[in-house]
Amino acid sequence: MTNNCYNLLQSWREEQHNIASRVIVFPESSFTTSYPASITQTTCCERYAQLSPCFDNGETKGKKNYLLIGGVDVSFPAVDDEANEDAVAVYVILKYDTRTPTQPPEVVYRSHKFYKLTTPYIPSYLAFREIDPLLELIAQQREINPHLTPNVILVDGNGQWHDRYAGLACFVGVKSGIPTVGIGKTFYSLDNEMKKSDVVRDVKQSVQCWYDAYCNQQQEDLLSTIVVDKESIPYSNNVEVEQHSPHLVAYEDMLMALHQVCSGLAIPMRSGKKKNDTVLAYALVGHGGNNPTNKGNFSKKKKNESARGSKNPIYVSCGSHISLLDAVSVVAWTSIVRIPEPIREADLHGRQLMRDQKTGGK
């Protein structure tokens, strides 16, 4: 490593430590936009709780009956377009009516910015490749359309689930002052010891335990709530799966049963293997799809996903100015497919812009 490269990474690490020290994570639960989540014990099993959103019905004087939820994403050139040094940052804002949460949202704002890629991708330093154009877009919106400033921004990138607790979502939240949530679409290992295969195993184990308990009880209709596991990834050796199922049930079938009664299953993820290590994120699975809570479907779904929700987890962590349970609740509520709709809208728009640039808009 050259001295210049070493000095650059050192300065980046110092900036990450600075951002991490300025992150604000609220206690569970204190989302300031009249959308707090509450958590209670389930009756089917002591291991699980249920996370319930609290929608403002518009009757509270002085409170708005809608939420503005932003999404940011950066699209890069296709693999077969290596000569292209441009990327495009996209910022969208969706308006959700909290009086009728099953209705589709309205895209009320959309902007983008092309920029040159001058910083290479280095794992754990993604923020330095994307933060500047994203902040420019947010600042532009606040200047031109301040009334559309979102209650929360969902970021395509991790928040506190990061080596130095300062992922891209933390940068966006700290520097903009707007509550942010980080969504990791792929698993990122903090210590290089926990592998994706370990996480997949533990997620399936959690779904199995819930399914066995549910088959024994079948007395709850959770619908708009999210089931929350009290055991955290990585599981300790004393967590055992009790087999109550009369026969072997496929993972997809267990997810289908889950999807009939709730909006997803969230499993906490700790920064280390000890019980007292901090919970930094939740793996969310079984969310999205076509159940009674989002029957006002407005997105195209992948084959079979509408019947069971997503079988592959996403990883939700705080950016800043929000609680972790509120972050999970917002993400599950805005997901029709695996990726929450504000990020999905930004991603689709960015991909189209990159295609138009390549073809000259034809």
Protein backbone atom coordinates (compact mmCIF):
# COMPACT_ATOMS: atom_id res chain seq x y z
CA MET A 1 0.00 0.00 0.00
CA THR A 2 1.41 3.38 -0.99
CA ASN A 3 1.73 6.21 1.51
CA ASN A 4 -0.96 8.20 -0.33
CA CYS A 5 -3.38 5.28 -0.17
CA TYR A 6 -2.59 4.63 3.49
CA ASN A 7 -3.11 8.30 4.37
CA LEU A 8 -6.40 8.39 2.46
CA LEU A 9 -7.79 5.36 4.26
CA GLN A 10 -6.61 6.75 7.57
CA SER A 11 -8.45 10.02 6.96
CA TRP A 12 -11.56 8.10 5.91
CA ARG A 13 -11.44 6.02 9.10
CA GLU A 14 -11.17 9.17 11.17
CA GLU A 15 -14.21 10.60 9.40
CA GLN A 16 -16.13 7.38 10.01
CA HIS A 17 -15.31 7.51 13.72
CA ASN A 18 -16.47 11.11 13.76
CA ILE A 19 -19.77 10.23 12.08
CA ALA A 20 -20.29 7.26 14.42
CA SER A 21 -19.85 9.54 17.44
CA ARG A 22 -22.61 11.83 16.12
CA VAL A 23 -25.18 9.13 15.32
CA ILE A 24 -28.36 9.40 17.38
CA VAL A 25 -30.30 6.19 17.98
CA PHE A 26 -33.53 6.73 19.88
CA PRO A 27 -34.76 4.35 22.58
CA GLU A 28 -37.38 1.84 21.50
CA SER A 29 -39.62 3.48 20.42
CA SER A 30 -39.72 7.22 19.80
CA PHE A 31 -40.20 7.93 16.11
CA THR A 32 -41.22 11.60 16.14
CA THR A 33 -43.60 11.51 13.16
CA SER A 34 -46.61 9.92 14.91
CA TYR A 35 -45.48 6.53 13.60
CA PRO A 36 -44.08 4.84 16.69
CA ALA A 37 -43.90 1.08 16.88
CA SER A 38 -44.85 -0.87 19.98
CA ILE A 39 -43.69 -4.34 20.93
CA THR A 40 -45.67 -6.90 22.94
CA GLN A 41 -45.39 -10.59 23.80
CA THR A 42 -46.99 -13.14 21.46
CA THR A 43 -49.17 -15.88 22.90
CA CYS A 44 -47.86 -18.68 20.67
CA CYS A 45 -44.33 -18.80 22.10
CA GLU A 46 -42.29 -17.01 24.75
CA ARG A 47 -39.41 -16.74 22.30
CA TYR A 48 -41.27 -14.32 20.02
CA ALA A 49 -42.75 -10.85 20.38
CA GLN A 50 -44.85 -8.84 17.95
CA LEU A 51 -43.99 -5.39 16.64
CA SER A 52 -47.03 -3.25 15.86
CA PRO A 53 -46.98 0.07 13.98
CA CYS A 54 -49.18 2.83 15.33
CA PHE A 55 -50.70 4.82 12.47
CA ASP A 56 -52.05 8.29 13.05
CA ASN A 57 -55.68 8.15 11.90
CA GLY A 58 -55.87 11.87 11.22
CA GLU A 59 -58.04 12.57 14.23
CA THR A 60 -55.25 13.97 16.37
CA LYS A 61 -55.35 17.72 16.09
CA GLY A 62 -52.28 19.26 14.53
CA LYS A 63 -50.89 16.00 13.15
CA LYS A 64 -50.64 15.18 9.47
CA ASN A 65 -52.43 12.13 8.12
CA TYR A 66 -49.62 11.12 5.81
CA LEU A 67 -45.96 10.17 5.87
CA LEU A 68 -43.29 11.19 3.38
CA ILE A 69 -40.69 8.45 3.01
CA GLY A 70 -37.60 9.01 0.90
CA GLY A 71 -35.36 6.53 -0.86
CA VAL A 72 -31.82 7.00 -2.16
CA ASP A 73 -29.77 4.77 -4.42
CA VAL A 74 -26.78 5.01 -6.74
CA SER A 75 -26.65 3.16 -10.07
CA PHE A 76 -23.38 2.27 -11.73
CA PRO A 77 -22.45 1.33 -15.31
CA ALA A 78 -23.30 -2.18 -16.48
CA VAL A 79 -20.58 -4.82 -16.51
CA ASP A 80 -20.38 -4.63 -20.31
CA ASP A 81 -19.91 -0.85 -20.19
CA GLU A 82 -16.54 -0.66 -18.45
CA ALA A 83 -15.45 2.46 -20.34
CA ASN A 84 -18.26 4.47 -18.74
CA GLU A 85 -17.02 6.36 -15.67
CA ASP A 86 -20.43 7.86 -14.84
CA ALA A 87 -22.74 6.90 -12.00
CA VAL A 88 -26.13 8.37 -11.19
CA ALA A 89 -27.46 9.19 -7.72
CA VAL A 90 -31.25 9.10 -7.35
CA TYR A 91 -33.50 10.55 -4.64
CA VAL A 92 -37.24 9.88 -4.54
CA ILE A 93 -39.97 10.70 -2.04
CA LEU A 94 -43.17 8.68 -1.68
CA LYS A 95 -46.29 9.90 0.10
CA TYR A 96 -48.18 7.36 2.22
CA ASP A 97 -51.69 8.01 3.57
CA THR A 98 -51.67 6.71 7.15
CA ARG A 99 -55.48 6.70 7.32
CA THR A 100 -55.58 4.03 4.61
CA PRO A 101 -52.19 2.29 4.87
CA THR A 102 -53.18 -0.40 2.35
CA GLN A 103 -53.40 2.15 -0.46
CA PRO A 104 -50.44 2.58 -2.82
CA PRO A 105 -48.14 5.54 -2.22
CA GLU A 106 -47.74 8.50 -4.55
CA VAL A 107 -44.34 9.49 -5.92
CA VAL A 108 -44.25 13.21 -5.11
CA TYR A 109 -40.61 13.97 -5.81
CA ARG A 110 -37.84 12.53 -7.97
CA SER A 111 -34.40 13.90 -8.80
CA HIS A 112 -31.05 12.60 -9.96
CA LYS A 113 -27.45 13.62 -10.55
CA PHE A 114 -24.88 12.07 -12.87
CA TYR A 115 -21.31 12.21 -11.58
CA LYS A 116 -17.87 10.84 -12.42
CA LEU A 117 -16.55 7.84 -10.53
CA THR A 118 -13.23 9.05 -9.14
CA THR A 119 -13.21 6.83 -6.03
CA PRO A 120 -12.77 3.06 -6.37
CA TYR A 121 -15.03 0.68 -4.46
CA ILE A 122 -13.32 -0.39 -1.24
CA PRO A 123 -15.29 -2.57 1.20
CA SER A 124 -16.45 -0.65 4.31
CA TYR A 125 -15.74 2.71 2.61
CA LEU A 126 -18.79 2.87 0.31
CA ALA A 127 -19.97 6.16 1.79
CA PHE A 128 -17.04 8.10 0.30
CA ARG A 129 -18.09 6.99 -3.18
CA GLU A 130 -21.75 8.01 -2.86
CA ILE A 131 -22.35 10.54 -0.09
CA ASP A 132 -21.60 13.85 -1.87
CA PRO A 133 -24.10 13.58 -4.76
CA LEU A 134 -26.78 12.22 -2.41
CA LEU A 135 -26.37 15.15 -0.03
CA GLU A 136 -26.55 17.56 -2.98
CA LEU A 137 -29.86 16.07 -4.07
CA ILE A 138 -31.30 16.26 -0.55
CA ALA A 139 -30.13 19.86 -0.10
CA GLN A 140 -31.64 20.81 -3.46
CA GLN A 141 -35.00 19.32 -2.50
CA ARG A 142 -35.03 21.11 0.86
CA GLU A 143 -34.33 24.40 -0.87
CA ILE A 144 -36.83 24.05 -3.72
CA ASN A 145 -39.57 21.94 -2.07
CA PRO A 146 -39.04 22.13 1.71
CA HIS A 147 -42.62 20.99 2.35
CA LEU A 148 -41.70 17.61 0.84
CA THR A 149 -38.82 16.91 3.22
CA PRO A 150 -39.37 13.28 4.21
CA ASN A 151 -40.04 11.97 7.70
CA VAL A 152 -37.43 9.29 7.07
CA ILE A 153 -35.06 8.30 4.24
CA LEU A 154 -34.37 4.67 3.39
CA VAL A 155 -30.80 4.19 2.15
CA ASP A 156 -29.49 1.45 -0.12
CA GLY A 157 -26.54 0.63 2.12
CA ASN A 158 -25.89 -0.29 5.73
CA GLY A 159 -26.20 2.02 8.70
CA GLN A 160 -24.67 1.00 12.04
CA TRP A 161 -24.15 -2.54 10.77
CA HIS A 162 -20.62 -1.57 9.79
CA ASP A 163 -17.05 -2.22 10.99
CA ARG A 164 -16.83 1.25 12.49
CA TYR A 165 -20.60 1.76 13.03
CA ALA A 166 -20.70 4.30 10.22
CA GLY A 167 -22.22 2.99 7.02
CA LEU A 168 -23.65 5.16 4.24
CA ALA A 169 -27.02 5.56 6.02
CA CYS A 170 -25.23 7.02 9.06
CA PHE A 171 -23.48 9.59 6.86
CA VAL A 172 -26.76 10.61 5.22
CA GLY A 173 -28.57 10.86 8.58
CA VAL A 174 -25.88 12.74 10.47
CA LYS A 175 -25.10 15.19 7.68
CA SER A 176 -28.72 15.87 6.66
CA GLY A 177 -30.36 15.71 10.09
CA ILE A 178 -33.18 13.60 8.62
CA PRO A 179 -33.95 10.19 10.17
CA THR A 180 -32.38 7.44 8.06
CA VAL A 181 -32.53 3.66 7.83
CA GLY A 182 -29.87 1.49 6.23
CA ILE A 183 -30.92 -1.53 4.16
CA GLY A 184 -28.29 -4.10 3.23
CA LYS A 185 -29.42 -6.31 0.36
CA THR A 186 -26.53 -8.72 0.89
CA PHE A 187 -24.99 -9.89 4.15
CA TYR A 188 -21.89 -7.99 5.27
CA SER A 189 -19.68 -9.68 7.85
CA LEU A 190 -18.31 -7.38 10.54
CA ASP A 191 -15.65 -9.74 11.83
CA ASN A 192 -15.08 -12.04 8.82
CA GLU A 193 -16.03 -14.92 11.13
CA MET A 194 -19.79 -14.87 10.74
CA LYS A 195 -20.54 -16.12 7.25
CA LYS A 196 -23.60 -15.68 5.08
CA SER A 197 -24.25 -19.41 5.39
CA ASP A 198 -24.38 -19.01 9.20
CA VAL A 199 -26.95 -16.26 8.90
CA VAL A 200 -29.08 -18.21 6.42
CA ARG A 201 -28.98 -21.21 8.77
CA ASP A 202 -30.06 -19.13 11.78
CA VAL A 203 -32.82 -17.37 9.83
CA LYS A 204 -34.25 -20.72 8.73
CA GLN A 205 -33.96 -22.00 12.29
CA SER A 206 -35.95 -19.02 13.56
CA VAL A 207 -38.65 -19.58 10.94
CA GLN A 208 -38.76 -23.27 11.92
CA CYS A 209 -39.16 -22.50 15.63
CA TRP A 210 -41.92 -19.99 14.93
CA TYR A 211 -43.70 -22.44 12.64
CA ASP A 212 -43.59 -25.26 15.20
CA ALA A 213 -45.01 -22.97 17.90
CA TYR A 214 -47.65 -21.61 15.54
CA CYS A 215 -48.79 -25.12 14.54
CA ASN A 216 -49.30 -25.94 18.22
CA GLN A 217 -51.25 -22.78 19.03
CA GLN A 218 -52.76 -21.15 15.94
CA GLN A 219 -54.59 -18.54 17.98
CA GLU A 220 -53.20 -15.24 16.78
CA ASP A 221 -53.94 -13.07 13.77
CA LEU A 222 -51.03 -10.63 13.68
CA LEU A 223 -51.59 -9.30 10.13
CA SER A 224 -49.94 -5.87 10.06
CA THR A 225 -47.46 -6.73 12.81
CA ILE A 226 -43.93 -8.08 12.49
CA VAL A 227 -42.90 -11.12 14.53
CA VAL A 228 -39.65 -10.43 16.43
CA ASP A 229 -37.33 -13.19 17.62
CA LYS A 230 -35.80 -12.62 21.04
CA GLU A 231 -32.83 -14.85 20.20
CA SER A 232 -30.18 -13.08 18.16
CA ILE A 233 -27.83 -14.03 15.36
CA PRO A 234 -25.35 -15.63 15.83
CA TYR A 235 -27.29 -18.18 17.87
CA SER A 236 -25.55 -19.68 20.86
CA ASN A 237 -25.18 -23.42 21.14
CA ASN A 238 -27.96 -23.66 23.73
CA VAL A 239 -30.63 -22.55 21.27
CA GLU A 240 -32.28 -25.69 20.06
CA VAL A 241 -35.03 -26.25 17.54
CA GLU A 242 -37.88 -28.21 19.09
CA GLN A 243 -39.48 -30.39 16.44
CA HIS A 244 -43.25 -30.24 16.85
CA SER A 245 -44.08 -30.60 13.17
CA PRO A 246 -45.64 -33.98 12.37
CA HIS A 247 -43.55 -34.13 9.18
CA LEU A 248 -40.77 -32.28 7.44
CA VAL A 249 -42.06 -28.97 6.05
CA ALA A 250 -40.30 -27.03 3.31
CA TYR A 251 -38.90 -23.60 4.20
CA GLU A 252 -41.08 -21.95 1.54
CA ASP A 253 -44.20 -23.55 3.02
CA MET A 254 -43.32 -22.30 6.49
CA LEU A 255 -42.88 -18.80 5.05
CA MET A 256 -46.28 -19.10 3.40
CA ALA A 257 -47.85 -19.87 6.78
CA LEU A 258 -45.97 -16.94 8.32
CA HIS A 259 -47.15 -14.67 5.53
CA GLN A 260 -50.79 -15.47 6.23
CA VAL A 261 -50.68 -13.96 9.71
CA CYS A 262 -48.02 -11.25 9.80
CA SER A 263 -45.86 -8.87 7.76
CA GLY A 264 -42.53 -10.55 8.33
CA LEU A 265 -40.13 -12.06 10.85
CA ALA A 266 -37.26 -9.98 12.26
CA ILE A 267 -34.24 -11.59 13.90
CA PRO A 268 -31.80 -9.37 15.84
CA MET A 269 -28.15 -9.39 14.84
CA ARG A 270 -25.45 -8.64 17.39
CA SER A 271 -22.03 -7.14 16.82
CA GLY A 272 -20.39 -10.19 18.39
CA LYS A 273 -21.10 -13.64 19.78
CA LYS A 274 -21.77 -12.62 23.40
CA LYS A 275 -25.30 -12.18 24.75
CA ASN A 276 -24.53 -8.66 25.95
CA ASP A 277 -23.11 -7.49 22.62
CA THR A 278 -25.10 -4.67 21.05
CA VAL A 279 -27.93 -5.45 18.65
CA LEU A 280 -27.00 -3.41 15.57
CA ALA A 281 -29.43 -4.75 12.98
CA TYR A 282 -32.32 -7.06 12.20
CA ALA A 283 -32.49 -9.68 9.49
CA LEU A 284 -35.98 -9.30 8.01
CA VAL A 285 -37.57 -12.19 6.12
CA GLY A 286 -41.08 -13.10 4.95
CA HIS A 287 -41.93 -9.44 4.28
CA GLY A 288 -43.51 -7.99 1.15
CA GLY A 289 -45.94 -9.89 -1.00
CA ASN A 290 -49.70 -9.80 -1.28
CA ASN A 291 -51.39 -10.21 2.09
CA PRO A 292 -54.38 -8.36 3.60
CA THR A 293 -52.13 -5.55 4.89
CA ASN A 294 -51.02 -4.49 1.40
CA LYS A 295 -53.86 -5.62 -0.82
CA GLY A 296 -53.64 -2.27 -2.59
CA ASN A 297 -50.72 -3.79 -4.49
CA PHE A 298 -48.92 -1.46 -6.86
CA SER A 299 -45.78 -3.35 -7.82
CA LYS A 300 -44.92 -6.24 -10.09
CA LYS A 301 -43.87 -9.21 -8.01
CA LYS A 302 -41.53 -12.04 -8.72
CA LYS A 303 -42.99 -15.48 -9.30
CA ASN A 304 -44.49 -16.99 -6.11
CA GLU A 305 -43.27 -14.09 -3.95
CA SER A 306 -46.79 -12.69 -3.51
CA ALA A 307 -47.92 -15.88 -1.77
CA ARG A 308 -45.19 -16.10 0.87
CA GLY A 309 -43.20 -12.89 1.11
CA SER A 310 -39.45 -12.80 0.61
CA LYS A 311 -37.47 -15.96 1.39
CA ASN A 312 -34.14 -14.09 1.35
CA PRO A 313 -33.55 -11.66 4.21
CA ILE A 314 -32.57 -8.03 4.04
CA TYR A 315 -30.54 -6.42 6.81
CA VAL A 316 -32.01 -3.36 8.53
CA SER A 317 -29.96 -1.02 10.71
CA CYS A 318 -30.24 2.54 12.00
CA GLY A 319 -28.67 5.39 10.12
CA SER A 320 -29.42 8.13 12.63
CA HIS A 321 -32.30 9.88 14.44
CA ILE A 322 -34.50 6.79 14.68
CA SER A 323 -34.95 3.69 16.83
CA LEU A 324 -34.08 0.26 15.52
CA LEU A 325 -37.59 -1.15 15.99
CA ASP A 326 -39.12 1.83 14.19
CA ALA A 327 -36.63 1.26 11.38
CA VAL A 328 -37.73 -2.37 11.02
CA SER A 329 -41.39 -1.39 11.15
CA VAL A 330 -41.05 1.25 8.43
CA VAL A 331 -39.11 -1.10 6.15
CA ALA A 332 -41.62 -3.93 6.50
CA TRP A 333 -44.56 -1.57 6.00
CA THR A 334 -43.14 -0.11 2.77
CA SER A 335 -42.13 -3.46 1.25
CA ILE A 336 -44.24 -5.01 -1.48
CA VAL A 337 -41.35 -7.13 -2.73
CA ARG A 338 -38.08 -7.91 -0.97
CA ILE A 339 -36.73 -4.35 -1.28
CA PRO A 340 -38.78 -1.52 0.31
CA GLU A 341 -40.60 0.51 -2.29
CA PRO A 342 -38.80 3.89 -1.86
CA ILE A 343 -35.41 2.25 -2.54
CA ARG A 344 -36.86 0.07 -5.27
CA GLU A 345 -38.32 3.14 -6.99
CA ALA A 346 -34.96 4.93 -6.81
CA ASP A 347 -33.15 1.84 -8.10
CA LEU A 348 -35.48 1.33 -11.08
CA HIS A 349 -35.25 5.01 -12.03
CA GLY A 350 -31.46 4.96 -11.79
CA ARG A 351 -31.19 1.85 -13.95
CA GLN A 352 -33.40 3.44 -16.58
CA LEU A 353 -31.30 6.60 -16.57
CA MET A 354 -28.14 4.54 -17.10
CA ARG A 355 -29.77 2.67 -20.00
CA ASP A 356 -30.94 5.94 -21.55
CA GLN A 357 -27.46 7.40 -21.25
CA LYS A 358 -25.94 4.39 -22.98
CA THR A 359 -28.43 4.42 -25.86
CA GLY A 360 -28.67 8.18 -26.18
CA GLY A 361 -32.21 8.20 -24.81
CA LYS A 362 -33.55 6.02 -27.62
